[in-house]
Amino acid sequence: MIDRSSVRLFAGLSQEEVTTVLASSVKRRFAASETIVEANQPANRLFLLQSGFVNYSILAGDGREILLRRLVPGNVFGVAAFLSGTAGYIGTAKAVGGSAVYVWNQSTVHRLAKSYPRLSENALRIVLRYIALYAERHVGLVSSSAEGRLANALTSLGSRSGHRHTSGLTVDIKNEELASLADVSLFTASRILKSWERQGAIKKSRGSVLIRVPEKLIA
């Protein structure tokens, strides 16, 4: 579930205005691994993730799937729906588990943007934030070690989507997804994870990583 006050799309809007904007949406649910949008399809819908997680990815030239971002509740995608012309979705969005999203069609987005101009400004700020995140990722690719990038990807994901309990922080992520987020090979990611596990920093299970001592990852 989302805290409306933390949703970047709603920054600067009153509670009443947020309620009106949400009332103009359609709520949809998606099963695990179900595709929400595909890359290059007309970007005629705006999405706000209400619950669950979504993987947003693109295909490399060799056919490999590159995970750009794991979206968490409160995140928005499909902001090209604010444009007056026709644009395509940059990537493909798939539900990680059972997920629910608020959906606005393009005509509704344009109508709301006229009534609440701050929405368009917030959409631009969201795009700029994503660009900044991808710029940081590129800098890490040329300046950080594979271990550093993997540690950063894991701890960042843990802070946004981890499940806290007495033994640590559990992150639901497959090895290949984590490797893609860190821009390393699956072999390299598996090797580093095994090394961290021997050091007691993490405990690896099928489809998840338990972060026991995050300081050891950063070190």
N, C-alpha and C. Protein backbone atom coordinates (compact mmCIF):
# COMPACT_ATOMS: atom_id res chain seq x y z
N MET A 1 0.84 -1.20 0.00
CA MET A 1 0.00 0.00 0.00
C MET A 1 0.88 1.25 0.00
N ILE A 2 0.33 2.35 -0.49
CA ILE A 2 1.12 3.57 -0.59
C ILE A 2 0.64 4.63 0.39
N ASP A 3 1.58 5.46 0.80
CA ASP A 3 1.28 6.66 1.56
C ASP A 3 1.15 7.79 0.54
N ARG A 4 -0.04 8.31 0.37
CA ARG A 4 -0.28 9.30 -0.68
C ARG A 4 0.68 10.49 -0.57
N SER A 5 1.02 10.86 0.65
CA SER A 5 1.87 12.03 0.85
C SER A 5 3.29 11.81 0.34
N SER A 6 3.67 10.54 0.12
CA SER A 6 5.03 10.24 -0.34
C SER A 6 5.11 10.02 -1.85
N VAL A 7 3.99 10.09 -2.54
CA VAL A 7 3.98 9.86 -3.99
C VAL A 7 4.45 11.13 -4.71
N ARG A 8 5.53 11.04 -5.45
CA ARG A 8 6.11 12.21 -6.11
C ARG A 8 5.15 12.84 -7.11
N LEU A 9 4.31 12.04 -7.72
CA LEU A 9 3.35 12.58 -8.69
C LEU A 9 2.38 13.55 -8.03
N PHE A 10 2.13 13.37 -6.74
CA PHE A 10 1.14 14.18 -6.04
C PHE A 10 1.75 15.33 -5.25
N ALA A 11 3.03 15.57 -5.38
CA ALA A 11 3.69 16.64 -4.63
C ALA A 11 3.02 17.98 -4.92
N GLY A 12 2.71 18.72 -3.87
CA GLY A 12 2.12 20.04 -4.02
C GLY A 12 0.61 20.05 -4.20
N LEU A 13 -0.01 18.88 -4.28
CA LEU A 13 -1.46 18.81 -4.40
C LEU A 13 -2.09 18.65 -3.02
N SER A 14 -3.28 19.18 -2.87
CA SER A 14 -4.00 19.03 -1.61
C SER A 14 -4.56 17.61 -1.51
N GLN A 15 -4.95 17.23 -0.32
CA GLN A 15 -5.52 15.90 -0.13
C GLN A 15 -6.78 15.73 -0.97
N GLU A 16 -7.57 16.79 -1.06
CA GLU A 16 -8.80 16.74 -1.87
C GLU A 16 -8.47 16.56 -3.34
N GLU A 17 -7.44 17.24 -3.81
CA GLU A 17 -7.04 17.12 -5.22
C GLU A 17 -6.51 15.72 -5.51
N VAL A 18 -5.73 15.16 -4.59
CA VAL A 18 -5.22 13.79 -4.76
C VAL A 18 -6.38 12.81 -4.84
N THR A 19 -7.36 12.99 -3.99
CA THR A 19 -8.54 12.12 -4.00
C THR A 19 -9.26 12.19 -5.35
N THR A 20 -9.36 13.39 -5.89
CA THR A 20 -10.01 13.57 -7.19
C THR A 20 -9.22 12.89 -8.30
N VAL A 21 -7.90 13.04 -8.26
CA VAL A 21 -7.05 12.42 -9.28
C VAL A 21 -7.16 10.90 -9.22
N LEU A 22 -7.11 10.34 -8.03
CA LEU A 22 -7.21 8.89 -7.89
C LEU A 22 -8.59 8.38 -8.31
N ALA A 23 -9.61 9.17 -8.06
CA ALA A 23 -10.98 8.77 -8.43
C ALA A 23 -11.14 8.72 -9.95
N SER A 24 -10.24 9.40 -10.67
CA SER A 24 -10.31 9.39 -12.14
C SER A 24 -9.59 8.19 -12.75
N SER A 25 -8.98 7.37 -11.91
CA SER A 25 -8.21 6.21 -12.39
C SER A 25 -9.06 4.95 -12.38
N VAL A 26 -8.50 3.94 -13.00
CA VAL A 26 -9.07 2.59 -12.93
C VAL A 26 -8.03 1.72 -12.22
N LYS A 27 -8.46 0.95 -11.24
CA LYS A 27 -7.52 0.11 -10.52
C LYS A 27 -7.50 -1.28 -11.16
N ARG A 28 -6.29 -1.74 -11.48
CA ARG A 28 -6.14 -3.05 -12.10
C ARG A 28 -5.17 -3.90 -11.30
N ARG A 29 -5.39 -5.20 -11.33
CA ARG A 29 -4.51 -6.14 -10.64
C ARG A 29 -3.83 -7.05 -11.67
N PHE A 30 -2.58 -7.39 -11.39
CA PHE A 30 -1.81 -8.24 -12.29
C PHE A 30 -1.19 -9.38 -11.50
N ALA A 31 -1.22 -10.56 -12.09
CA ALA A 31 -0.63 -11.74 -11.46
C ALA A 31 0.89 -11.72 -11.64
N ALA A 32 1.57 -12.56 -10.88
CA ALA A 32 3.03 -12.66 -10.97
C ALA A 32 3.46 -12.96 -12.40
N SER A 33 4.46 -12.21 -12.88
CA SER A 33 5.04 -12.35 -14.22
C SER A 33 4.14 -11.87 -15.34
N GLU A 34 2.98 -11.31 -15.01
CA GLU A 34 2.09 -10.80 -16.05
C GLU A 34 2.62 -9.46 -16.58
N THR A 35 2.60 -9.32 -17.89
CA THR A 35 3.08 -8.10 -18.52
C THR A 35 2.03 -7.00 -18.41
N ILE A 36 2.47 -5.84 -17.95
CA ILE A 36 1.58 -4.68 -17.81
C ILE A 36 1.64 -3.83 -19.08
N VAL A 37 2.85 -3.50 -19.52
CA VAL A 37 3.05 -2.83 -20.81
C VAL A 37 4.29 -3.43 -21.46
N GLU A 38 4.37 -3.31 -22.77
CA GLU A 38 5.53 -3.78 -23.51
C GLU A 38 6.25 -2.61 -24.16
N ALA A 39 7.56 -2.74 -24.28
CA ALA A 39 8.37 -1.69 -24.91
C ALA A 39 7.86 -1.42 -26.32
N ASN A 40 7.86 -0.14 -26.67
CA ASN A 40 7.49 0.36 -28.00
C ASN A 40 5.98 0.39 -28.25
N GLN A 41 5.18 -0.15 -27.35
CA GLN A 41 3.74 0.04 -27.48
C GLN A 41 3.41 1.52 -27.28
N PRO A 42 2.33 2.02 -27.88
CA PRO A 42 1.95 3.43 -27.66
C PRO A 42 1.78 3.72 -26.18
N ALA A 43 2.46 4.74 -25.71
CA ALA A 43 2.41 5.09 -24.28
C ALA A 43 1.18 5.93 -24.01
N ASN A 44 0.03 5.31 -24.03
CA ASN A 44 -1.23 6.03 -23.87
C ASN A 44 -1.89 5.79 -22.52
N ARG A 45 -1.09 5.27 -21.56
CA ARG A 45 -1.62 5.07 -20.21
C ARG A 45 -0.54 5.43 -19.19
N LEU A 46 -0.98 6.01 -18.09
CA LEU A 46 -0.11 6.35 -16.97
C LEU A 46 -0.40 5.39 -15.83
N PHE A 47 0.65 4.93 -15.15
CA PHE A 47 0.49 3.94 -14.09
C PHE A 47 1.12 4.43 -12.79
N LEU A 48 0.44 4.16 -11.70
CA LEU A 48 0.97 4.37 -10.35
C LEU A 48 0.86 3.05 -9.61
N LEU A 49 1.99 2.53 -9.17
CA LEU A 49 1.99 1.23 -8.48
C LEU A 49 1.42 1.40 -7.07
N GLN A 50 0.34 0.68 -6.81
CA GLN A 50 -0.34 0.79 -5.52
C GLN A 50 0.15 -0.26 -4.52
N SER A 51 0.41 -1.47 -5.00
CA SER A 51 0.92 -2.53 -4.13
C SER A 51 1.68 -3.53 -4.98
N GLY A 52 2.59 -4.28 -4.32
CA GLY A 52 3.41 -5.24 -5.04
C GLY A 52 4.64 -4.57 -5.65
N PHE A 53 5.30 -5.29 -6.55
CA PHE A 53 6.50 -4.79 -7.20
C PHE A 53 6.41 -5.04 -8.70
N VAL A 54 7.14 -4.22 -9.46
CA VAL A 54 7.14 -4.33 -10.92
C VAL A 54 8.58 -4.22 -11.42
N ASN A 55 8.98 -5.13 -12.31
CA ASN A 55 10.28 -5.05 -12.97
C ASN A 55 10.12 -4.29 -14.28
N TYR A 56 10.94 -3.25 -14.44
CA TYR A 56 10.91 -2.47 -15.68
C TYR A 56 12.22 -2.73 -16.41
N SER A 57 12.14 -3.31 -17.60
CA SER A 57 13.33 -3.78 -18.29
C SER A 57 13.31 -3.44 -19.77
N ILE A 58 14.47 -3.57 -20.41
CA ILE A 58 14.60 -3.41 -21.85
C ILE A 58 15.38 -4.61 -22.38
N LEU A 59 15.30 -4.82 -23.70
CA LEU A 59 16.05 -5.91 -24.33
C LEU A 59 17.33 -5.35 -24.94
N ALA A 60 18.44 -6.04 -24.69
CA ALA A 60 19.70 -5.68 -25.32
C ALA A 60 19.70 -6.20 -26.76
N GLY A 61 20.68 -5.76 -27.53
CA GLY A 61 20.76 -6.17 -28.92
C GLY A 61 20.89 -7.67 -29.11
N ASP A 62 21.49 -8.34 -28.11
CA ASP A 62 21.67 -9.80 -28.20
C ASP A 62 20.48 -10.56 -27.62
N GLY A 63 19.42 -9.83 -27.25
CA GLY A 63 18.22 -10.49 -26.74
C GLY A 63 18.16 -10.63 -25.24
N ARG A 64 19.22 -10.23 -24.54
CA ARG A 64 19.21 -10.32 -23.07
C ARG A 64 18.28 -9.26 -22.49
N GLU A 65 17.63 -9.62 -21.39
CA GLU A 65 16.75 -8.68 -20.70
C GLU A 65 17.55 -7.93 -19.66
N ILE A 66 17.56 -6.60 -19.76
CA ILE A 66 18.30 -5.75 -18.83
C ILE A 66 17.30 -5.08 -17.90
N LEU A 67 17.42 -5.37 -16.62
CA LEU A 67 16.51 -4.79 -15.64
C LEU A 67 16.96 -3.37 -15.32
N LEU A 68 16.13 -2.41 -15.69
CA LEU A 68 16.45 -1.01 -15.43
C LEU A 68 16.15 -0.61 -13.99
N ARG A 69 15.02 -1.09 -13.50
CA ARG A 69 14.57 -0.65 -12.18
C ARG A 69 13.52 -1.61 -11.64
N ARG A 70 13.56 -1.88 -10.37
CA ARG A 70 12.44 -2.56 -9.72
C ARG A 70 11.59 -1.46 -9.08
N LEU A 71 10.38 -1.34 -9.56
CA LEU A 71 9.47 -0.31 -9.06
C LEU A 71 8.76 -0.79 -7.81
N VAL A 72 8.57 0.12 -6.87
CA VAL A 72 7.93 -0.19 -5.59
C VAL A 72 6.68 0.68 -5.45
N PRO A 73 5.79 0.34 -4.50
CA PRO A 73 4.57 1.14 -4.33
C PRO A 73 4.86 2.64 -4.21
N GLY A 74 4.10 3.42 -4.98
CA GLY A 74 4.31 4.86 -5.03
C GLY A 74 5.04 5.31 -6.28
N ASN A 75 5.73 4.36 -6.96
CA ASN A 75 6.45 4.70 -8.19
C ASN A 75 5.48 4.82 -9.36
N VAL A 76 5.86 5.66 -10.31
CA VAL A 76 5.04 5.94 -11.49
C VAL A 76 5.80 5.51 -12.74
N PHE A 77 5.09 4.99 -13.73
CA PHE A 77 5.68 4.73 -15.04
C PHE A 77 4.64 5.00 -16.12
N GLY A 78 5.15 5.22 -17.34
CA GLY A 78 4.26 5.59 -18.43
C GLY A 78 3.99 7.09 -18.48
N VAL A 79 4.95 7.91 -18.01
CA VAL A 79 4.72 9.36 -17.96
C VAL A 79 4.66 10.00 -19.34
N ALA A 80 5.03 9.25 -20.38
CA ALA A 80 4.89 9.77 -21.75
C ALA A 80 3.43 10.03 -22.09
N ALA A 81 2.51 9.52 -21.29
CA ALA A 81 1.08 9.78 -21.50
C ALA A 81 0.76 11.26 -21.33
N PHE A 82 1.66 12.03 -20.70
CA PHE A 82 1.44 13.46 -20.57
C PHE A 82 1.69 14.19 -21.89
N LEU A 83 2.39 13.57 -22.82
CA LEU A 83 2.71 14.21 -24.10
C LEU A 83 1.48 14.26 -24.99
N SER A 84 1.43 15.27 -25.85
CA SER A 84 0.28 15.41 -26.75
C SER A 84 0.39 14.47 -27.95
N GLY A 85 1.61 14.14 -28.36
CA GLY A 85 1.80 13.24 -29.49
C GLY A 85 1.85 11.79 -29.04
N THR A 86 2.20 10.95 -29.99
CA THR A 86 2.30 9.52 -29.70
C THR A 86 3.75 9.14 -29.46
N ALA A 87 4.03 8.54 -28.33
CA ALA A 87 5.36 8.03 -28.00
C ALA A 87 5.21 6.58 -27.58
N GLY A 88 6.32 5.87 -27.55
CA GLY A 88 6.28 4.47 -27.14
C GLY A 88 6.86 4.29 -25.75
N TYR A 89 6.43 3.26 -25.07
CA TYR A 89 7.02 2.92 -23.78
C TYR A 89 8.49 2.55 -24.00
N ILE A 90 9.36 3.04 -23.14
CA ILE A 90 10.79 2.76 -23.27
C ILE A 90 11.08 1.30 -22.97
N GLY A 91 10.40 0.75 -21.98
CA GLY A 91 10.68 -0.62 -21.57
C GLY A 91 9.42 -1.42 -21.35
N THR A 92 9.63 -2.64 -20.89
CA THR A 92 8.53 -3.57 -20.58
C THR A 92 8.37 -3.67 -19.07
N ALA A 93 7.13 -3.56 -18.61
CA ALA A 93 6.84 -3.64 -17.18
C ALA A 93 6.13 -4.96 -16.89
N LYS A 94 6.69 -5.72 -15.94
CA LYS A 94 6.08 -6.99 -15.55
C LYS A 94 5.90 -7.04 -14.04
N ALA A 95 4.76 -7.55 -13.61
CA ALA A 95 4.51 -7.70 -12.18
C ALA A 95 5.44 -8.77 -11.61
N VAL A 96 6.08 -8.48 -10.48
CA VAL A 96 6.96 -9.45 -9.84
C VAL A 96 6.13 -10.49 -9.10
N GLY A 97 5.19 -10.02 -8.31
CA GLY A 97 4.23 -10.89 -7.65
C GLY A 97 2.85 -10.33 -7.95
N GLY A 98 1.87 -10.67 -7.18
CA GLY A 98 0.57 -10.04 -7.36
C GLY A 98 0.70 -8.54 -7.11
N SER A 99 0.31 -7.74 -8.08
CA SER A 99 0.49 -6.29 -7.98
C SER A 99 -0.79 -5.58 -8.38
N ALA A 100 -0.97 -4.37 -7.83
CA ALA A 100 -2.12 -3.55 -8.17
C ALA A 100 -1.64 -2.17 -8.59
N VAL A 101 -2.25 -1.62 -9.64
CA VAL A 101 -1.85 -0.31 -10.14
C VAL A 101 -3.08 0.56 -10.38
N TYR A 102 -2.88 1.87 -10.21
CA TYR A 102 -3.86 2.84 -10.67
C TYR A 102 -3.50 3.17 -12.11
N VAL A 103 -4.51 3.22 -12.98
CA VAL A 103 -4.27 3.47 -14.40
C VAL A 103 -5.14 4.63 -14.89
N TRP A 104 -4.50 5.57 -15.61
CA TRP A 104 -5.22 6.68 -16.26
C TRP A 104 -4.96 6.60 -17.75
N ASN A 105 -6.00 6.71 -18.57
CA ASN A 105 -5.76 6.75 -20.01
C ASN A 105 -5.29 8.16 -20.39
N GLN A 106 -4.79 8.29 -21.62
CA GLN A 106 -4.13 9.54 -22.01
C GLN A 106 -5.06 10.74 -21.99
N SER A 107 -6.29 10.57 -22.43
CA SER A 107 -7.22 11.70 -22.43
C SER A 107 -7.51 12.18 -21.01
N THR A 108 -7.59 11.24 -20.08
CA THR A 108 -7.81 11.61 -18.67
C THR A 108 -6.59 12.32 -18.11
N VAL A 109 -5.40 11.84 -18.47
CA VAL A 109 -4.16 12.49 -18.03
C VAL A 109 -4.13 13.94 -18.51
N HIS A 110 -4.47 14.17 -19.78
CA HIS A 110 -4.45 15.54 -20.31
C HIS A 110 -5.48 16.42 -19.61
N ARG A 111 -6.64 15.87 -19.33
CA ARG A 111 -7.67 16.65 -18.64
C ARG A 111 -7.23 17.02 -17.23
N LEU A 112 -6.64 16.05 -16.53
CA LEU A 112 -6.17 16.32 -15.16
C LEU A 112 -5.02 17.32 -15.16
N ALA A 113 -4.14 17.21 -16.17
CA ALA A 113 -3.00 18.12 -16.24
C ALA A 113 -3.46 19.57 -16.45
N LYS A 114 -4.55 19.76 -17.16
CA LYS A 114 -5.10 21.11 -17.35
C LYS A 114 -5.70 21.63 -16.05
N SER A 115 -6.36 20.74 -15.32
CA SER A 115 -6.98 21.15 -14.05
C SER A 115 -5.95 21.35 -12.95
N TYR A 116 -4.90 20.53 -12.98
CA TYR A 116 -3.86 20.57 -11.95
C TYR A 116 -2.49 20.61 -12.64
N PRO A 117 -2.02 21.78 -13.07
CA PRO A 117 -0.76 21.91 -13.79
C PRO A 117 0.44 21.32 -13.04
N ARG A 118 0.33 21.25 -11.72
CA ARG A 118 1.45 20.71 -10.94
C ARG A 118 1.72 19.25 -11.32
N LEU A 119 0.71 18.54 -11.83
CA LEU A 119 0.93 17.16 -12.23
C LEU A 119 1.97 17.05 -13.33
N SER A 120 1.90 17.94 -14.32
CA SER A 120 2.87 17.92 -15.43
C SER A 120 4.27 18.23 -14.91
N GLU A 121 4.36 19.20 -14.00
CA GLU A 121 5.67 19.53 -13.42
C GLU A 121 6.23 18.33 -12.65
N ASN A 122 5.36 17.68 -11.89
CA ASN A 122 5.81 16.52 -11.12
C ASN A 122 6.26 15.39 -12.04
N ALA A 123 5.55 15.21 -13.15
CA ALA A 123 5.92 14.16 -14.11
C ALA A 123 7.31 14.43 -14.66
N LEU A 124 7.61 15.69 -14.97
CA LEU A 124 8.94 16.06 -15.47
C LEU A 124 9.99 15.80 -14.40
N ARG A 125 9.68 16.11 -13.16
CA ARG A 125 10.63 15.87 -12.08
C ARG A 125 10.90 14.37 -11.92
N ILE A 126 9.87 13.55 -12.11
CA ILE A 126 10.04 12.10 -12.02
C ILE A 126 10.98 11.61 -13.12
N VAL A 127 10.77 12.12 -14.34
CA VAL A 127 11.64 11.74 -15.45
C VAL A 127 13.08 12.13 -15.17
N LEU A 128 13.28 13.35 -14.67
CA LEU A 128 14.63 13.81 -14.36
C LEU A 128 15.27 12.96 -13.27
N ARG A 129 14.47 12.51 -12.32
CA ARG A 129 15.01 11.66 -11.26
C ARG A 129 15.46 10.32 -11.84
N TYR A 130 14.66 9.74 -12.73
CA TYR A 130 15.05 8.48 -13.35
C TYR A 130 16.33 8.65 -14.16
N ILE A 131 16.44 9.76 -14.88
CA ILE A 131 17.67 10.02 -15.65
C ILE A 131 18.87 10.11 -14.72
N ALA A 132 18.70 10.79 -13.57
CA ALA A 132 19.79 10.91 -12.60
C ALA A 132 20.19 9.55 -12.06
N LEU A 133 19.21 8.68 -11.80
CA LEU A 133 19.51 7.33 -11.30
C LEU A 133 20.29 6.53 -12.33
N TYR A 134 19.90 6.64 -13.60
CA TYR A 134 20.60 5.89 -14.64
C TYR A 134 21.99 6.47 -14.89
N ALA A 135 22.15 7.79 -14.69
CA ALA A 135 23.46 8.40 -14.81
C ALA A 135 24.38 7.88 -13.70
N GLU A 136 23.85 7.78 -12.49
CA GLU A 136 24.64 7.23 -11.38
C GLU A 136 25.04 5.79 -11.66
N ARG A 137 24.12 5.06 -12.26
CA ARG A 137 24.41 3.66 -12.58
C ARG A 137 25.53 3.57 -13.62
N HIS A 138 25.50 4.48 -14.59
CA HIS A 138 26.56 4.48 -15.61
C HIS A 138 27.90 4.85 -14.99
N VAL A 139 27.90 5.84 -14.10
CA VAL A 139 29.13 6.22 -13.41
C VAL A 139 29.69 5.02 -12.64
N GLY A 140 28.81 4.29 -11.97
CA GLY A 140 29.25 3.11 -11.23
C GLY A 140 29.85 2.06 -12.13
N LEU A 141 29.31 1.95 -13.35
CA LEU A 141 29.80 0.95 -14.29
C LEU A 141 31.24 1.22 -14.70
N VAL A 142 31.62 2.49 -14.76
CA VAL A 142 32.98 2.82 -15.21
C VAL A 142 33.93 3.13 -14.05
N SER A 143 33.39 3.26 -12.83
CA SER A 143 34.26 3.66 -11.73
C SER A 143 34.23 2.72 -10.52
N SER A 144 33.28 1.79 -10.46
CA SER A 144 33.18 0.90 -9.31
C SER A 144 33.48 -0.54 -9.73
N SER A 145 33.91 -1.34 -8.75
CA SER A 145 34.15 -2.75 -9.01
C SER A 145 32.83 -3.49 -9.13
N ALA A 146 32.89 -4.70 -9.66
CA ALA A 146 31.69 -5.53 -9.76
C ALA A 146 31.09 -5.76 -8.38
N GLU A 147 31.95 -5.99 -7.38
CA GLU A 147 31.47 -6.22 -6.01
C GLU A 147 30.79 -4.98 -5.47
N GLY A 148 31.37 -3.81 -5.76
CA GLY A 148 30.77 -2.56 -5.29
C GLY A 148 29.42 -2.31 -5.92
N ARG A 149 29.31 -2.59 -7.21
CA ARG A 149 28.03 -2.38 -7.89
C ARG A 149 26.98 -3.35 -7.37
N LEU A 150 27.38 -4.59 -7.11
CA LEU A 150 26.43 -5.58 -6.61
C LEU A 150 25.97 -5.20 -5.21
N ALA A 151 26.89 -4.75 -4.38
CA ALA A 151 26.54 -4.34 -3.02
C ALA A 151 25.59 -3.15 -3.05
N ASN A 152 25.86 -2.20 -3.93
CA ASN A 152 25.00 -1.03 -4.03
C ASN A 152 23.61 -1.40 -4.51
N ALA A 153 23.53 -2.30 -5.51
CA ALA A 153 22.23 -2.73 -6.04
C ALA A 153 21.43 -3.45 -4.96
N LEU A 154 22.09 -4.32 -4.21
CA LEU A 154 21.40 -5.11 -3.20
C LEU A 154 20.94 -4.24 -2.03
N THR A 155 21.80 -3.39 -1.52
CA THR A 155 21.42 -2.56 -0.37
C THR A 155 20.38 -1.51 -0.75
N SER A 156 20.49 -0.97 -1.97
CA SER A 156 19.50 0.00 -2.43
C SER A 156 18.13 -0.66 -2.55
N LEU A 157 18.11 -1.84 -3.12
CA LEU A 157 16.85 -2.56 -3.26
C LEU A 157 16.30 -2.94 -1.89
N GLY A 158 17.19 -3.31 -0.99
CA GLY A 158 16.76 -3.65 0.36
C GLY A 158 16.12 -2.48 1.08
N SER A 159 16.68 -1.29 0.91
CA SER A 159 16.13 -0.11 1.58
C SER A 159 14.76 0.26 1.03
N ARG A 160 14.50 -0.07 -0.24
CA ARG A 160 13.23 0.31 -0.87
C ARG A 160 12.16 -0.77 -0.77
N SER A 161 12.59 -2.04 -0.75
CA SER A 161 11.58 -3.11 -0.84
C SER A 161 11.83 -4.28 0.10
N GLY A 162 12.83 -4.16 0.99
CA GLY A 162 13.16 -5.28 1.86
C GLY A 162 12.14 -5.52 2.97
N HIS A 163 12.16 -6.74 3.49
CA HIS A 163 11.28 -7.12 4.61
C HIS A 163 12.15 -7.27 5.86
N ARG A 164 11.92 -6.43 6.86
CA ARG A 164 12.73 -6.46 8.07
C ARG A 164 12.20 -7.49 9.07
N HIS A 165 13.13 -8.21 9.69
CA HIS A 165 12.80 -9.10 10.80
C HIS A 165 14.02 -9.25 11.68
N THR A 166 13.93 -10.07 12.69
CA THR A 166 14.98 -10.10 13.71
C THR A 166 16.34 -10.53 13.18
N SER A 167 16.37 -11.34 12.14
CA SER A 167 17.65 -11.85 11.64
C SER A 167 18.24 -11.00 10.53
N GLY A 168 17.53 -9.94 10.11
CA GLY A 168 18.08 -9.08 9.07
C GLY A 168 17.02 -8.53 8.14
N LEU A 169 17.42 -8.32 6.91
CA LEU A 169 16.55 -7.72 5.90
C LEU A 169 16.49 -8.65 4.69
N THR A 170 15.30 -9.13 4.36
CA THR A 170 15.14 -10.04 3.24
C THR A 170 14.74 -9.28 1.98
N VAL A 171 15.46 -9.54 0.91
CA VAL A 171 15.16 -8.94 -0.38
C VAL A 171 14.75 -10.06 -1.33
N ASP A 172 13.54 -9.96 -1.86
CA ASP A 172 13.06 -10.96 -2.82
C ASP A 172 13.59 -10.62 -4.20
N ILE A 173 14.63 -11.32 -4.61
CA ILE A 173 15.30 -11.04 -5.89
C ILE A 173 16.01 -12.29 -6.37
N LYS A 174 15.91 -12.58 -7.65
CA LYS A 174 16.62 -13.70 -8.23
C LYS A 174 18.05 -13.28 -8.59
N ASN A 175 18.95 -14.25 -8.65
CA ASN A 175 20.34 -13.94 -8.97
C ASN A 175 20.48 -13.20 -10.29
N GLU A 176 19.75 -13.65 -11.30
CA GLU A 176 19.88 -13.02 -12.61
C GLU A 176 19.33 -11.59 -12.61
N GLU A 177 18.31 -11.33 -11.79
CA GLU A 177 17.77 -9.98 -11.71
C GLU A 177 18.75 -9.06 -10.99
N LEU A 178 19.35 -9.56 -9.92
CA LEU A 178 20.33 -8.76 -9.18
C LEU A 178 21.56 -8.50 -10.04
N ALA A 179 21.98 -9.50 -10.78
CA ALA A 179 23.12 -9.33 -11.68
C ALA A 179 22.83 -8.26 -12.71
N SER A 180 21.63 -8.27 -13.25
CA SER A 180 21.25 -7.28 -14.26
C SER A 180 21.23 -5.87 -13.68
N LEU A 181 20.69 -5.72 -12.47
CA LEU A 181 20.67 -4.40 -11.82
C LEU A 181 22.07 -3.87 -11.55
N ALA A 182 23.00 -4.78 -11.30
CA ALA A 182 24.37 -4.38 -10.97
C ALA A 182 25.27 -4.32 -12.19
N ASP A 183 24.74 -4.69 -13.36
CA ASP A 183 25.52 -4.70 -14.60
C ASP A 183 26.74 -5.62 -14.50
N VAL A 184 26.50 -6.81 -13.98
CA VAL A 184 27.54 -7.84 -13.93
C VAL A 184 26.95 -9.12 -14.51
N SER A 185 27.82 -10.07 -14.81
CA SER A 185 27.33 -11.34 -15.34
C SER A 185 26.71 -12.17 -14.23
N LEU A 186 25.89 -13.13 -14.60
CA LEU A 186 25.28 -14.02 -13.62
C LEU A 186 26.35 -14.80 -12.88
N PHE A 187 27.39 -15.23 -13.59
CA PHE A 187 28.48 -15.97 -12.96
C PHE A 187 29.16 -15.11 -11.89
N THR A 188 29.44 -13.85 -12.23
CA THR A 188 30.11 -12.95 -11.28
C THR A 188 29.23 -12.70 -10.06
N ALA A 189 27.95 -12.46 -10.29
CA ALA A 189 27.04 -12.23 -9.17
C ALA A 189 26.97 -13.43 -8.25
N SER A 190 26.88 -14.63 -8.81
CA SER A 190 26.80 -15.85 -8.00
C SER A 190 28.08 -16.04 -7.19
N ARG A 191 29.22 -15.76 -7.81
CA ARG A 191 30.50 -15.91 -7.11
C ARG A 191 30.60 -14.95 -5.94
N ILE A 192 30.22 -13.69 -6.14
CA ILE A 192 30.30 -12.70 -5.07
C ILE A 192 29.32 -13.02 -3.95
N LEU A 193 28.12 -13.44 -4.31
CA LEU A 193 27.11 -13.78 -3.30
C LEU A 193 27.59 -14.95 -2.43
N LYS A 194 28.22 -15.93 -3.05
CA LYS A 194 28.75 -17.07 -2.29
C LYS A 194 29.85 -16.61 -1.34
N SER A 195 30.69 -15.69 -1.80
CA SER A 195 31.75 -15.15 -0.94
C SER A 195 31.16 -14.41 0.25
N TRP A 196 30.14 -13.59 0.02
CA TRP A 196 29.49 -12.88 1.12
C TRP A 196 28.82 -13.85 2.09
N GLU A 197 28.27 -14.92 1.54
CA GLU A 197 27.61 -15.90 2.40
C GLU A 197 28.63 -16.59 3.30
N ARG A 198 29.79 -16.90 2.77
CA ARG A 198 30.84 -17.52 3.59
C ARG A 198 31.30 -16.58 4.70
N GLN A 199 31.25 -15.28 4.44
CA GLN A 199 31.66 -14.28 5.44
C GLN A 199 30.56 -13.99 6.46
N GLY A 200 29.37 -14.55 6.22
CA GLY A 200 28.26 -14.32 7.14
C GLY A 200 27.51 -13.02 6.90
N ALA A 201 27.80 -12.35 5.77
CA ALA A 201 27.14 -11.08 5.48
C ALA A 201 25.71 -11.28 5.01
N ILE A 202 25.49 -12.37 4.29
CA ILE A 202 24.15 -12.65 3.76
C ILE A 202 23.84 -14.13 3.92
N LYS A 203 22.60 -14.48 3.65
CA LYS A 203 22.20 -15.88 3.52
C LYS A 203 21.34 -15.96 2.28
N LYS A 204 21.74 -16.80 1.33
CA LYS A 204 21.04 -16.90 0.06
C LYS A 204 20.02 -18.03 0.09
N SER A 205 18.82 -17.72 -0.36
CA SER A 205 17.77 -18.72 -0.53
C SER A 205 17.25 -18.60 -1.95
N ARG A 206 16.47 -19.56 -2.38
CA ARG A 206 15.95 -19.52 -3.73
C ARG A 206 15.02 -18.30 -3.89
N GLY A 207 15.42 -17.38 -4.76
CA GLY A 207 14.60 -16.22 -5.03
C GLY A 207 14.68 -15.10 -4.01
N SER A 208 15.61 -15.19 -3.05
CA SER A 208 15.71 -14.12 -2.06
C SER A 208 17.11 -14.09 -1.45
N VAL A 209 17.43 -12.95 -0.87
CA VAL A 209 18.71 -12.75 -0.18
C VAL A 209 18.42 -12.13 1.19
N LEU A 210 18.93 -12.77 2.23
CA LEU A 210 18.82 -12.22 3.57
C LEU A 210 20.10 -11.45 3.88
N ILE A 211 19.98 -10.13 4.05
CA ILE A 211 21.14 -9.30 4.40
C ILE A 211 21.28 -9.32 5.92
N ARG A 212 22.32 -9.97 6.39
CA ARG A 212 22.56 -10.07 7.83
C ARG A 212 23.43 -8.95 8.36
N VAL A 213 24.53 -8.68 7.67
CA VAL A 213 25.47 -7.64 8.11
C VAL A 213 25.78 -6.73 6.92
N PRO A 214 24.97 -5.68 6.71
CA PRO A 214 25.18 -4.81 5.53
C PRO A 214 26.54 -4.13 5.52
N GLU A 215 27.11 -3.91 6.71
CA GLU A 215 28.43 -3.26 6.78
C GLU A 215 29.49 -4.06 6.04
N LYS A 216 29.36 -5.38 6.06
CA LYS A 216 30.34 -6.22 5.38
C LYS A 216 30.22 -6.09 3.86
N LEU A 217 29.02 -5.82 3.37
CA LEU A 217 28.86 -5.62 1.92
C LEU A 217 29.53 -4.34 1.49
N ILE A 218 29.33 -3.28 2.27
CA ILE A 218 29.91 -1.98 1.92
C ILE A 218 31.42 -2.02 2.06
N ALA A 219 31.91 -2.76 3.07
CA ALA A 219 33.35 -2.86 3.26
C ALA A 219 34.00 -3.58 2.09
